[in-house]
N, C-alpha and C. Protein backbone atom coordinates (compact mmCIF):
# COMPACT_ATOMS: atom_id res chain seq x y z
N MET A 1 0.85 1.32 7.18
CA MET A 1 -0.44 1.04 7.78
C MET A 1 -1.47 0.94 6.66
N TYR A 2 -2.47 0.16 6.92
CA TYR A 2 -3.53 -0.06 5.93
C TYR A 2 -4.89 0.28 6.53
N LEU A 3 -5.75 0.75 5.67
CA LEU A 3 -7.16 0.89 6.02
C LEU A 3 -7.89 -0.13 5.16
N ILE A 4 -8.68 -0.98 5.79
CA ILE A 4 -9.49 -1.94 5.05
C ILE A 4 -10.94 -1.48 5.20
N ALA A 5 -11.57 -1.21 4.07
CA ALA A 5 -12.96 -0.76 4.05
C ALA A 5 -13.81 -1.85 3.42
N ARG A 6 -14.80 -2.29 4.16
CA ARG A 6 -15.75 -3.29 3.65
C ARG A 6 -17.09 -2.60 3.53
N LEU A 7 -17.58 -2.51 2.30
CA LEU A 7 -18.80 -1.77 2.01
C LEU A 7 -19.85 -2.73 1.46
N GLU A 8 -20.95 -2.86 2.17
CA GLU A 8 -22.05 -3.70 1.71
C GLU A 8 -23.01 -2.81 0.93
N LEU A 9 -23.24 -3.17 -0.33
CA LEU A 9 -24.06 -2.36 -1.22
C LEU A 9 -25.46 -2.95 -1.37
N SER A 10 -26.42 -2.09 -1.64
CA SER A 10 -27.76 -2.56 -1.99
C SER A 10 -27.72 -3.01 -3.45
N TYR A 11 -28.64 -3.89 -3.81
CA TYR A 11 -28.71 -4.31 -5.21
C TYR A 11 -28.94 -3.11 -6.12
N ALA A 12 -29.83 -2.22 -5.72
CA ALA A 12 -30.16 -1.07 -6.55
C ALA A 12 -29.03 -0.05 -6.61
N GLY A 13 -28.11 -0.09 -5.64
CA GLY A 13 -27.07 0.92 -5.59
C GLY A 13 -25.73 0.56 -6.21
N VAL A 14 -25.60 -0.66 -6.71
CA VAL A 14 -24.31 -1.10 -7.24
C VAL A 14 -23.81 -0.19 -8.35
N LEU A 15 -24.65 0.12 -9.31
CA LEU A 15 -24.20 0.95 -10.44
C LEU A 15 -23.84 2.36 -10.00
N ASP A 16 -24.61 2.92 -9.06
CA ASP A 16 -24.27 4.24 -8.53
C ASP A 16 -22.90 4.21 -7.85
N PHE A 17 -22.66 3.16 -7.06
CA PHE A 17 -21.38 3.05 -6.37
C PHE A 17 -20.23 2.91 -7.37
N LEU A 18 -20.39 2.04 -8.35
CA LEU A 18 -19.32 1.84 -9.34
C LEU A 18 -19.04 3.11 -10.14
N ALA A 19 -20.05 3.97 -10.29
CA ALA A 19 -19.86 5.22 -11.01
C ALA A 19 -19.11 6.26 -10.17
N ILE A 20 -19.35 6.28 -8.86
CA ILE A 20 -18.74 7.32 -8.02
C ILE A 20 -17.41 6.88 -7.42
N ALA A 21 -17.16 5.59 -7.29
CA ALA A 21 -15.94 5.09 -6.64
C ALA A 21 -14.65 5.62 -7.27
N PRO A 22 -14.53 5.71 -8.60
CA PRO A 22 -13.29 6.26 -9.16
C PRO A 22 -13.03 7.71 -8.73
N LYS A 23 -14.08 8.49 -8.59
CA LYS A 23 -13.93 9.88 -8.15
C LYS A 23 -13.45 9.93 -6.70
N VAL A 24 -14.02 9.06 -5.86
CA VAL A 24 -13.59 9.00 -4.46
C VAL A 24 -12.13 8.58 -4.39
N ARG A 25 -11.77 7.58 -5.18
CA ARG A 25 -10.38 7.12 -5.18
C ARG A 25 -9.43 8.26 -5.56
N GLN A 26 -9.75 8.97 -6.62
CA GLN A 26 -8.90 10.06 -7.08
C GLN A 26 -8.72 11.11 -5.99
N LYS A 27 -9.80 11.46 -5.33
CA LYS A 27 -9.73 12.52 -4.32
C LYS A 27 -9.00 12.04 -3.06
N MET A 28 -9.20 10.80 -2.68
CA MET A 28 -8.48 10.28 -1.51
C MET A 28 -6.99 10.15 -1.81
N GLU A 29 -6.67 9.71 -3.02
CA GLU A 29 -5.25 9.58 -3.39
C GLU A 29 -4.58 10.94 -3.48
N ALA A 30 -5.31 11.96 -3.87
CA ALA A 30 -4.75 13.31 -3.93
C ALA A 30 -4.44 13.84 -2.53
N ASN A 31 -5.00 13.18 -1.51
CA ASN A 31 -4.79 13.61 -0.12
C ASN A 31 -4.01 12.59 0.70
N GLY A 32 -3.17 11.79 0.04
CA GLY A 32 -2.22 10.96 0.76
C GLY A 32 -2.57 9.51 1.00
N CYS A 33 -3.75 9.07 0.61
CA CYS A 33 -4.12 7.66 0.74
C CYS A 33 -3.89 6.99 -0.61
N ARG A 34 -3.43 5.76 -0.59
CA ARG A 34 -3.17 5.06 -1.86
C ARG A 34 -3.95 3.75 -1.88
N MET A 35 -4.85 3.62 -2.86
CA MET A 35 -5.61 2.39 -2.97
C MET A 35 -4.70 1.29 -3.52
N LEU A 36 -4.58 0.21 -2.77
CA LEU A 36 -3.78 -0.92 -3.21
C LEU A 36 -4.61 -1.94 -3.96
N HIS A 37 -5.87 -2.08 -3.55
CA HIS A 37 -6.71 -3.08 -4.19
C HIS A 37 -8.18 -2.77 -3.94
N ALA A 38 -9.01 -3.16 -4.88
CA ALA A 38 -10.46 -3.07 -4.74
C ALA A 38 -11.04 -4.38 -5.25
N MET A 39 -11.91 -4.98 -4.44
CA MET A 39 -12.48 -6.29 -4.78
C MET A 39 -13.98 -6.29 -4.56
N ILE A 40 -14.68 -7.08 -5.36
CA ILE A 40 -16.12 -7.28 -5.19
C ILE A 40 -16.34 -8.75 -4.88
N SER A 41 -17.04 -9.05 -3.79
CA SER A 41 -17.26 -10.43 -3.36
C SER A 41 -18.14 -11.18 -4.34
N GLU A 42 -17.78 -12.43 -4.57
CA GLU A 42 -18.59 -13.32 -5.40
C GLU A 42 -19.17 -14.46 -4.57
N ILE A 43 -18.61 -14.67 -3.40
CA ILE A 43 -19.11 -15.65 -2.42
C ILE A 43 -19.23 -14.86 -1.12
N ASP A 44 -20.02 -15.29 -0.19
CA ASP A 44 -20.30 -14.57 1.04
C ASP A 44 -21.44 -13.61 0.73
N ARG A 45 -21.44 -12.44 1.26
CA ARG A 45 -22.51 -11.49 0.98
C ARG A 45 -22.27 -10.85 -0.38
N LEU A 46 -23.20 -11.06 -1.31
CA LEU A 46 -23.06 -10.48 -2.64
C LEU A 46 -23.09 -8.96 -2.56
N ASN A 47 -22.50 -8.33 -3.56
CA ASN A 47 -22.45 -6.87 -3.65
C ASN A 47 -21.72 -6.25 -2.45
N THR A 48 -20.69 -6.93 -1.99
CA THR A 48 -19.83 -6.39 -0.96
C THR A 48 -18.50 -6.02 -1.60
N VAL A 49 -18.08 -4.80 -1.37
CA VAL A 49 -16.83 -4.29 -1.93
C VAL A 49 -15.83 -4.17 -0.79
N THR A 50 -14.60 -4.59 -1.05
CA THR A 50 -13.52 -4.41 -0.08
C THR A 50 -12.43 -3.58 -0.74
N HIS A 51 -12.04 -2.52 -0.06
CA HIS A 51 -10.95 -1.66 -0.52
C HIS A 51 -9.81 -1.78 0.47
N ILE A 52 -8.61 -1.88 -0.04
CA ILE A 52 -7.42 -1.86 0.80
C ILE A 52 -6.62 -0.63 0.42
N TRP A 53 -6.46 0.24 1.41
CA TRP A 53 -5.75 1.50 1.22
C TRP A 53 -4.45 1.47 2.02
N GLU A 54 -3.41 2.03 1.46
CA GLU A 54 -2.19 2.26 2.22
C GLU A 54 -2.23 3.71 2.70
N VAL A 55 -2.04 3.88 4.00
CA VAL A 55 -2.06 5.22 4.59
C VAL A 55 -0.83 5.38 5.47
N PRO A 56 -0.23 6.58 5.49
CA PRO A 56 0.94 6.77 6.34
C PRO A 56 0.66 6.49 7.82
N ASP A 57 -0.53 6.90 8.28
CA ASP A 57 -0.96 6.66 9.66
C ASP A 57 -2.46 6.97 9.73
N ALA A 58 -3.05 6.68 10.86
CA ALA A 58 -4.50 6.88 11.00
C ALA A 58 -4.89 8.34 10.81
N ASN A 59 -4.08 9.24 11.33
CA ASN A 59 -4.42 10.66 11.21
C ASN A 59 -4.46 11.12 9.76
N SER A 60 -3.60 10.57 8.91
CA SER A 60 -3.62 10.98 7.50
C SER A 60 -4.91 10.54 6.82
N TYR A 61 -5.45 9.39 7.22
CA TYR A 61 -6.73 8.96 6.67
C TYR A 61 -7.83 9.95 7.08
N PHE A 62 -7.86 10.30 8.36
CA PHE A 62 -8.90 11.22 8.84
C PHE A 62 -8.75 12.60 8.18
N ALA A 63 -7.53 13.04 7.94
CA ALA A 63 -7.30 14.32 7.26
C ALA A 63 -7.80 14.25 5.82
N ALA A 64 -7.59 13.11 5.15
CA ALA A 64 -8.07 12.95 3.77
C ALA A 64 -9.60 12.97 3.72
N VAL A 65 -10.25 12.38 4.70
CA VAL A 65 -11.71 12.40 4.76
C VAL A 65 -12.21 13.82 4.98
N GLU A 66 -11.54 14.57 5.85
CA GLU A 66 -11.94 15.97 6.08
C GLU A 66 -11.78 16.79 4.80
N ALA A 67 -10.70 16.54 4.05
CA ALA A 67 -10.50 17.24 2.77
C ALA A 67 -11.61 16.87 1.79
N LEU A 68 -12.00 15.60 1.78
CA LEU A 68 -13.08 15.16 0.90
C LEU A 68 -14.38 15.87 1.26
N LYS A 69 -14.65 16.00 2.54
CA LYS A 69 -15.88 16.68 2.98
C LYS A 69 -15.91 18.15 2.54
N ALA A 70 -14.74 18.75 2.40
CA ALA A 70 -14.66 20.16 1.99
C ALA A 70 -14.64 20.32 0.47
N ASP A 71 -14.54 19.23 -0.26
CA ASP A 71 -14.46 19.26 -1.73
C ASP A 71 -15.81 19.65 -2.33
N PRO A 72 -15.81 20.45 -3.41
CA PRO A 72 -17.08 20.84 -4.04
C PRO A 72 -17.90 19.66 -4.56
N ASP A 73 -17.27 18.52 -4.84
CA ASP A 73 -17.99 17.34 -5.33
C ASP A 73 -18.59 16.51 -4.20
N PHE A 74 -18.35 16.89 -2.95
CA PHE A 74 -18.81 16.07 -1.83
C PHE A 74 -20.31 15.83 -1.83
N PRO A 75 -21.15 16.83 -2.09
CA PRO A 75 -22.59 16.54 -2.09
C PRO A 75 -22.98 15.43 -3.08
N GLU A 76 -22.38 15.43 -4.26
CA GLU A 76 -22.66 14.37 -5.24
C GLU A 76 -22.16 13.01 -4.71
N ILE A 77 -20.96 13.01 -4.12
CA ILE A 77 -20.37 11.78 -3.61
C ILE A 77 -21.21 11.20 -2.48
N VAL A 78 -21.55 12.02 -1.51
CA VAL A 78 -22.29 11.52 -0.35
C VAL A 78 -23.70 11.07 -0.76
N ALA A 79 -24.29 11.73 -1.74
CA ALA A 79 -25.62 11.30 -2.22
C ALA A 79 -25.56 9.92 -2.85
N ALA A 80 -24.54 9.68 -3.67
CA ALA A 80 -24.39 8.37 -4.31
C ALA A 80 -24.09 7.29 -3.27
N LEU A 81 -23.24 7.60 -2.31
CA LEU A 81 -22.91 6.62 -1.26
C LEU A 81 -24.13 6.34 -0.38
N ALA A 82 -24.90 7.35 -0.08
CA ALA A 82 -26.10 7.16 0.75
C ALA A 82 -27.11 6.26 0.05
N LYS A 83 -27.18 6.32 -1.27
CA LYS A 83 -28.12 5.48 -2.03
C LYS A 83 -27.60 4.06 -2.18
N SER A 84 -26.30 3.85 -2.09
CA SER A 84 -25.74 2.54 -2.43
C SER A 84 -25.19 1.75 -1.26
N VAL A 85 -24.62 2.39 -0.27
CA VAL A 85 -23.97 1.68 0.83
C VAL A 85 -24.97 1.47 1.97
N VAL A 86 -25.18 0.20 2.34
CA VAL A 86 -26.09 -0.10 3.44
C VAL A 86 -25.35 -0.40 4.73
N ASN A 87 -24.07 -0.76 4.63
CA ASN A 87 -23.26 -1.00 5.82
C ASN A 87 -21.79 -0.81 5.45
N GLU A 88 -21.03 -0.24 6.37
CA GLU A 88 -19.61 0.02 6.13
C GLU A 88 -18.84 -0.35 7.39
N THR A 89 -17.76 -1.10 7.20
CA THR A 89 -16.87 -1.45 8.29
C THR A 89 -15.47 -1.02 7.91
N LEU A 90 -14.82 -0.23 8.77
CA LEU A 90 -13.45 0.23 8.54
C LEU A 90 -12.55 -0.34 9.61
N SER A 91 -11.35 -0.76 9.21
CA SER A 91 -10.37 -1.20 10.20
C SER A 91 -8.98 -0.81 9.74
N PHE A 92 -8.13 -0.54 10.71
CA PHE A 92 -6.72 -0.26 10.45
C PHE A 92 -5.93 -1.52 10.74
N ALA A 93 -4.89 -1.76 9.94
CA ALA A 93 -4.04 -2.93 10.14
C ALA A 93 -2.62 -2.57 9.72
N SER A 94 -1.68 -3.36 10.22
CA SER A 94 -0.29 -3.19 9.81
C SER A 94 0.25 -4.56 9.38
N ASP A 95 1.41 -4.56 8.75
CA ASP A 95 1.99 -5.80 8.24
C ASP A 95 2.29 -6.78 9.37
N ALA A 96 1.96 -8.03 9.13
CA ALA A 96 2.34 -9.10 10.05
C ALA A 96 3.83 -9.40 9.82
N PRO A 97 4.51 -9.96 10.80
CA PRO A 97 5.94 -10.24 10.65
C PRO A 97 6.26 -11.16 9.46
N TYR A 98 5.33 -11.99 9.04
CA TYR A 98 5.56 -12.93 7.95
C TYR A 98 5.01 -12.44 6.60
N ALA A 99 4.57 -11.19 6.54
CA ALA A 99 4.00 -10.64 5.30
C ALA A 99 5.06 -10.64 4.20
N PRO A 100 4.65 -10.86 2.95
CA PRO A 100 5.62 -10.78 1.85
C PRO A 100 6.23 -9.38 1.76
N ALA A 101 7.46 -9.33 1.37
CA ALA A 101 8.12 -8.03 1.20
C ALA A 101 7.47 -7.29 0.05
N ARG A 102 7.28 -6.00 0.25
CA ARG A 102 6.72 -5.17 -0.80
C ARG A 102 7.85 -4.34 -1.39
N GLY A 103 7.76 -4.11 -2.68
CA GLY A 103 8.83 -3.33 -3.26
C GLY A 103 8.61 -2.82 -4.60
């Protein structure tokens, strides 16, 4: 299963987001989520970041978020995200029957 996160950033918040994103990735990966890809849009809405995470199931994603909220670094993380993210869309997806084999 995959979690696709689309994060629309403010112009002023891009650098804050780029500084905190590696810490968020590390903490989410320590709790069972695996980032497969991170992209920044160059066409469409500028300063939009898309993350593709592999998660065992939806509950594991929610458990990882709860662990992040309990982390001592959470106040710093949420402050940076609050300054930089103006809109966030999350969706869960699974492989289509014609998806390339992963290995």
